Every structure is written in C-alpha cells, then in structure tokens.
C-alpha cells in the first residue's frame, strides 16, 4: 500500500480540493491479532476452571 501512497495522496488532494495534502503512511494494525491471542488465553482459562 505504501508504494501507492503518492497516487492515493494525489487523488485525495484533488477530491478534497485542498492546497496541501499531508503525507500518507500505511501500517499494519496488529490489534486483531492481539485480541485473538487474548481470546485464546481467556478461553483456555475458562476451560481449566
């Protein structure tokens, strides 16, 4: 996605009709993976009790 950030930025600038469009950076959000790990831990605790 970061390889296409310039194109996306250009499109946003045209659509929003603003003079300066901020730099866009994409990153992987690990929230879902982290929550899945917590769910597994809690489920295992429930099974043991």
PDB file of N, CA and C in Angstrom:
ATOM      1  N   UNK A   1       0.810  -1.183   0.000  1.00  0.00           N
ATOM      2  CA  UNK A   1       0.000   0.000   0.000  1.00  0.00           C
ATOM      3  C   UNK A   1       0.861   1.256   0.000  1.00  0.00           C
ATOM      4  N   UNK A   2       1.964   1.220   0.716  1.00  0.00           N
ATOM      5  CA  UNK A   2       2.806   2.408   0.759  1.00  0.00           C
ATOM      6  C   UNK A   2       3.365   2.757  -0.608  1.00  0.00           C
ATOM      7  N   UNK A   3       3.507   1.754  -1.477  1.00  0.00           N
ATOM      8  CA  UNK A   3       4.015   2.039  -2.820  1.00  0.00           C
ATOM      9  C   UNK A   3       3.014   2.856  -3.629  1.00  0.00           C
ATOM     10  N   UNK A   4       1.743   2.802  -3.266  1.00  0.00           N
ATOM     11  CA  UNK A   4       0.690   3.560  -3.966  1.00  0.00           C
ATOM     12  C   UNK A   4       0.256   4.807  -3.194  1.00  0.00           C
ATOM     13  N   UNK A   5       0.955   5.136  -2.124  1.00  0.00           N
ATOM     14  CA  UNK A   5       0.560   6.259  -1.274  1.00  0.00           C
ATOM     15  C   UNK A   5       0.569   7.582  -2.036  1.00  0.00           C
ATOM     16  N   UNK A   6       1.533   7.769  -2.930  1.00  0.00           N
ATOM     17  CA  UNK A   6       1.601   9.027  -3.687  1.00  0.00           C
ATOM     18  C   UNK A   6       0.380   9.201  -4.580  1.00  0.00           C
ATOM     19  N   UNK A   7      -0.026   8.125  -5.224  1.00  0.00           N
ATOM     20  CA  UNK A   7      -1.203   8.182  -6.098  1.00  0.00           C
ATOM     21  C   UNK A   7      -2.447   8.472  -5.264  1.00  0.00           C
ATOM     22  N   UNK A   8      -2.571   7.796  -4.146  1.00  0.00           N
ATOM     23  CA  UNK A   8      -3.707   7.997  -3.258  1.00  0.00           C
ATOM     24  C   UNK A   8      -3.732   9.431  -2.725  1.00  0.00           C
ATOM     25  N   UNK A   9      -2.567   9.938  -2.365  1.00  0.00           N
ATOM     26  CA  UNK A   9      -2.448  11.314  -1.866  1.00  0.00           C
ATOM     27  C   UNK A   9      -2.887  12.314  -2.925  1.00  0.00           C
ATOM     28  N   UNK A  10      -2.463  12.091  -4.159  1.00  0.00           N
ATOM     29  CA  UNK A  10      -2.835  12.981  -5.259  1.00  0.00           C
ATOM     30  C   UNK A  10      -4.351  12.975  -5.456  1.00  0.00           C
ATOM     31  N   UNK A  11      -4.943  11.789  -5.450  1.00  0.00           N
ATOM     32  CA  UNK A  11      -6.387  11.660  -5.620  1.00  0.00           C
ATOM     33  C   UNK A  11      -7.130  12.371  -4.490  1.00  0.00           C
ATOM     34  N   UNK A  12      -6.672  12.172  -3.260  1.00  0.00           N
ATOM     35  CA  UNK A  12      -7.316  12.834  -2.126  1.00  0.00           C
ATOM     36  C   UNK A  12      -7.230  14.351  -2.242  1.00  0.00           C
ATOM     37  N   UNK A  13      -6.070  14.831  -2.646  1.00  0.00           N
ATOM     38  CA  UNK A  13      -5.891  16.271  -2.808  1.00  0.00           C
ATOM     39  C   UNK A  13      -6.846  16.857  -3.826  1.00  0.00           C
ATOM     40  N   UNK A  14      -7.061  16.146  -4.910  1.00  0.00           N
ATOM     41  CA  UNK A  14      -7.983  16.619  -5.942  1.00  0.00           C
ATOM     42  C   UNK A  14      -9.429  16.564  -5.453  1.00  0.00           C
ATOM     43  N   UNK A  15      -9.784  15.491  -4.791  1.00  0.00           N
ATOM     44  CA  UNK A  15     -11.161  15.324  -4.324  1.00  0.00           C
ATOM     45  C   UNK A  15     -11.510  16.287  -3.195  1.00  0.00           C
ATOM     46  N   UNK A  16     -10.559  16.516  -2.302  1.00  0.00           N
ATOM     47  CA  UNK A  16     -10.820  17.388  -1.161  1.00  0.00           C
ATOM     48  C   UNK A  16     -10.617  18.860  -1.503  1.00  0.00           C
ATOM     49  N   UNK A  17      -9.999  19.115  -2.619  1.00  0.00           N
ATOM     50  CA  UNK A  17      -9.710  20.469  -3.093  1.00  0.00           C
ATOM     51  C   UNK A  17      -9.003  21.296  -2.017  1.00  0.00           C
ATOM     52  N   UNK A  18      -7.918  20.740  -1.516  1.00  0.00           N
ATOM     53  CA  UNK A  18      -7.112  21.452  -0.536  1.00  0.00           C
ATOM     54  C   UNK A  18      -5.752  21.736  -1.143  1.00  0.00           C
ATOM     55  N   UNK A  19      -5.117  22.779  -0.661  1.00  0.00           N
ATOM     56  CA  UNK A  19      -3.842  23.199  -1.236  1.00  0.00           C
ATOM     57  C   UNK A  19      -2.726  22.204  -0.917  1.00  0.00           C
ATOM     58  N   UNK A  20      -2.646  21.789   0.326  1.00  0.00           N
ATOM     59  CA  UNK A  20      -1.599  20.860   0.744  1.00  0.00           C
ATOM     60  C   UNK A  20      -2.230  19.590   1.304  1.00  0.00           C
ATOM     61  N   UNK A  21      -1.815  18.476   0.758  1.00  0.00           N
ATOM     62  CA  UNK A  21      -2.294  17.185   1.246  1.00  0.00           C
ATOM     63  C   UNK A  21      -1.194  16.570   2.104  1.00  0.00           C
ATOM     64  N   UNK A  22      -1.501  16.155   3.310  1.00  0.00           N
ATOM     65  CA  UNK A  22      -0.472  15.577   4.174  1.00  0.00           C
ATOM     66  C   UNK A  22       0.087  14.268   3.617  1.00  0.00           C
ATOM     67  N   UNK A  23       1.276  13.939   4.037  1.00  0.00           N
ATOM     68  CA  UNK A  23       1.897  12.674   3.655  1.00  0.00           C
ATOM     69  C   UNK A  23       1.102  11.527   4.268  1.00  0.00           C
ATOM     70  N   UNK A  24       0.917  10.488   3.485  1.00  0.00           N
ATOM     71  CA  UNK A  24       0.133   9.341   3.932  1.00  0.00           C
ATOM     72  C   UNK A  24       1.057   8.140   4.104  1.00  0.00           C
ATOM     73  N   UNK A  25       0.951   7.493   5.254  1.00  0.00           N
ATOM     74  CA  UNK A  25       1.712   6.272   5.510  1.00  0.00           C
ATOM     75  C   UNK A  25       0.753   5.213   6.013  1.00  0.00           C
ATOM     76  N   UNK A  26       0.872   4.024   5.470  1.00  0.00           N
ATOM     77  CA  UNK A  26       0.045   2.905   5.887  1.00  0.00           C
ATOM     78  C   UNK A  26       0.879   1.983   6.766  1.00  0.00           C
ATOM     79  N   UNK A  27       0.238   1.383   7.743  1.00  0.00           N
ATOM     80  CA  UNK A  27       0.927   0.435   8.603  1.00  0.00           C
ATOM     81  C   UNK A  27      -0.017  -0.695   8.967  1.00  0.00           C
ATOM     82  N   UNK A  28       0.554  -1.812   9.328  1.00  0.00           N
ATOM     83  CA  UNK A  28      -0.222  -2.984   9.707  1.00  0.00           C
ATOM     84  C   UNK A  28      -0.731  -2.802  11.132  1.00  0.00           C
ATOM     85  N   UNK A  29      -2.009  -2.940  11.300  1.00  0.00           N
ATOM     86  CA  UNK A  29      -2.628  -2.818  12.616  1.00  0.00           C
ATOM     87  C   UNK A  29      -2.704  -4.210  13.244  1.00  0.00           C
ATOM     88  N   UNK A  30      -1.982  -4.393  14.324  1.00  0.00           N
ATOM     89  CA  UNK A  30      -1.898  -5.698  14.971  1.00  0.00           C
ATOM     90  C   UNK A  30      -2.986  -5.912  16.022  1.00  0.00           C
ATOM     91  N   UNK A  31      -3.942  -5.016  16.101  1.00  0.00           N
ATOM     92  CA  UNK A  31      -4.980  -5.092  17.123  1.00  0.00           C
ATOM     93  C   UNK A  31      -5.771  -6.389  17.047  1.00  0.00           C
ATOM     94  N   UNK A  32      -6.167  -6.786  15.854  1.00  0.00           N
ATOM     95  CA  UNK A  32      -6.971  -8.002  15.706  1.00  0.00           C
ATOM     96  C   UNK A  32      -6.181  -9.229  16.156  1.00  0.00           C
ATOM     97  N   UNK A  33      -4.931  -9.318  15.733  1.00  0.00           N
ATOM     98  CA  UNK A  33      -4.096 -10.458  16.133  1.00  0.00           C
ATOM     99  C   UNK A  33      -3.933 -10.505  17.648  1.00  0.00           C
ATOM    100  N   UNK A  34      -3.708  -9.352  18.240  1.00  0.00           N
ATOM    101  CA  UNK A  34      -3.530  -9.268  19.690  1.00  0.00           C
ATOM    102  C   UNK A  34      -4.807  -9.697  20.411  1.00  0.00           C
ATOM    103  N   UNK A  35      -5.943  -9.218  19.934  1.00  0.00           N
ATOM    104  CA  UNK A  35      -7.222  -9.587  20.552  1.00  0.00           C
ATOM    105  C   UNK A  35      -7.509 -11.076  20.414  1.00  0.00           C
ATOM    106  N   UNK A  36      -7.140 -11.663  19.289  1.00  0.00           N
ATOM    107  CA  UNK A  36      -7.341 -13.099  19.104  1.00  0.00           C
ATOM    108  C   UNK A  36      -6.496 -13.899  20.094  1.00  0.00           C
ATOM    109  N   UNK A  37      -5.273 -13.447  20.334  1.00  0.00           N
ATOM    110  CA  UNK A  37      -4.411 -14.124  21.305  1.00  0.00           C
ATOM    111  C   UNK A  37      -5.015 -14.044  22.707  1.00  0.00           C
ATOM    112  N   UNK A  38      -5.524 -12.857  23.059  1.00  0.00           N
ATOM    113  CA  UNK A  38      -6.153 -12.709  24.370  1.00  0.00           C
ATOM    114  C   UNK A  38      -7.384 -13.595  24.495  1.00  0.00           C
ATOM    115  N   UNK A  39      -8.185 -13.662  23.451  1.00  0.00           N
ATOM    116  CA  UNK A  39      -9.364 -14.534  23.469  1.00  0.00           C
ATOM    117  C   UNK A  39      -8.976 -15.988  23.700  1.00  0.00           C
ATOM    118  N   UNK A  40      -7.921 -16.427  23.041  1.00  0.00           N
ATOM    119  CA  UNK A  40      -7.447 -17.801  23.206  1.00  0.00           C
ATOM    120  C   UNK A  40      -7.019 -18.049  24.646  1.00  0.00           C
ATOM    121  N   UNK A  41      -6.290 -17.114  25.212  1.00  0.00           N
ATOM    122  CA  UNK A  41      -5.838 -17.256  26.605  1.00  0.00           C
ATOM    123  C   UNK A  41      -7.035 -17.338  27.550  1.00  0.00           C
ATOM    124  N   UNK A  42      -7.994 -16.424  27.372  1.00  0.00           N
ATOM    125  CA  UNK A  42      -9.171 -16.418  28.248  1.00  0.00           C
ATOM    126  C   UNK A  42     -10.019 -17.675  28.070  1.00  0.00           C
ATOM    127  N   UNK A  43     -10.158 -18.139  26.858  1.00  0.00           N
ATOM    128  CA  UNK A  43     -10.917 -19.371  26.614  1.00  0.00           C
ATOM    129  C   UNK A  43     -10.248 -20.569  27.277  1.00  0.00           C
ATOM    130  N   UNK A  44      -8.922 -20.616  27.203  1.00  0.00           N
ATOM    131  CA  UNK A  44      -8.187 -21.706  27.849  1.00  0.00           C
ATOM    132  C   UNK A  44      -8.339 -21.647  29.370  1.00  0.00           C
ATOM    133  N   UNK A  45      -8.354 -20.443  29.919  1.00  0.00           N
ATOM    134  CA  UNK A  45      -8.557 -20.296  31.360  1.00  0.00           C
ATOM    135  C   UNK A  45      -9.946 -20.773  31.757  1.00  0.00           C
ATOM    136  N   UNK A  46     -10.947 -20.443  30.953  1.00  0.00           N
ATOM    137  CA  UNK A  46     -12.316 -20.887  31.234  1.00  0.00           C
ATOM    138  C   UNK A  46     -12.425 -22.409  31.204  1.00  0.00           C
ATOM    139  N   UNK A  47     -11.738 -23.032  30.274  1.00  0.00           N
ATOM    140  CA  UNK A  47     -11.800 -24.491  30.148  1.00  0.00           C
ATOM    141  C   UNK A  47     -11.143 -25.183  31.339  1.00  0.00           C
ATOM    142  N   UNK A  48     -10.103 -24.562  31.891  1.00  0.00           N
ATOM    143  CA  UNK A  48      -9.393 -25.154  33.027  1.00  0.00           C
ATOM    144  C   UNK A  48     -10.197 -25.024  34.312  1.00  0.00           C
ATOM    145  N   UNK A  49     -11.033 -24.015  34.389  1.00  0.00           N
ATOM    146  CA  UNK A  49     -11.807 -23.781  35.628  1.00  0.00           C
ATOM    147  C   UNK A  49     -13.139 -24.366  35.529  1.00  0.00           C
TER     148      UNK A  49
END
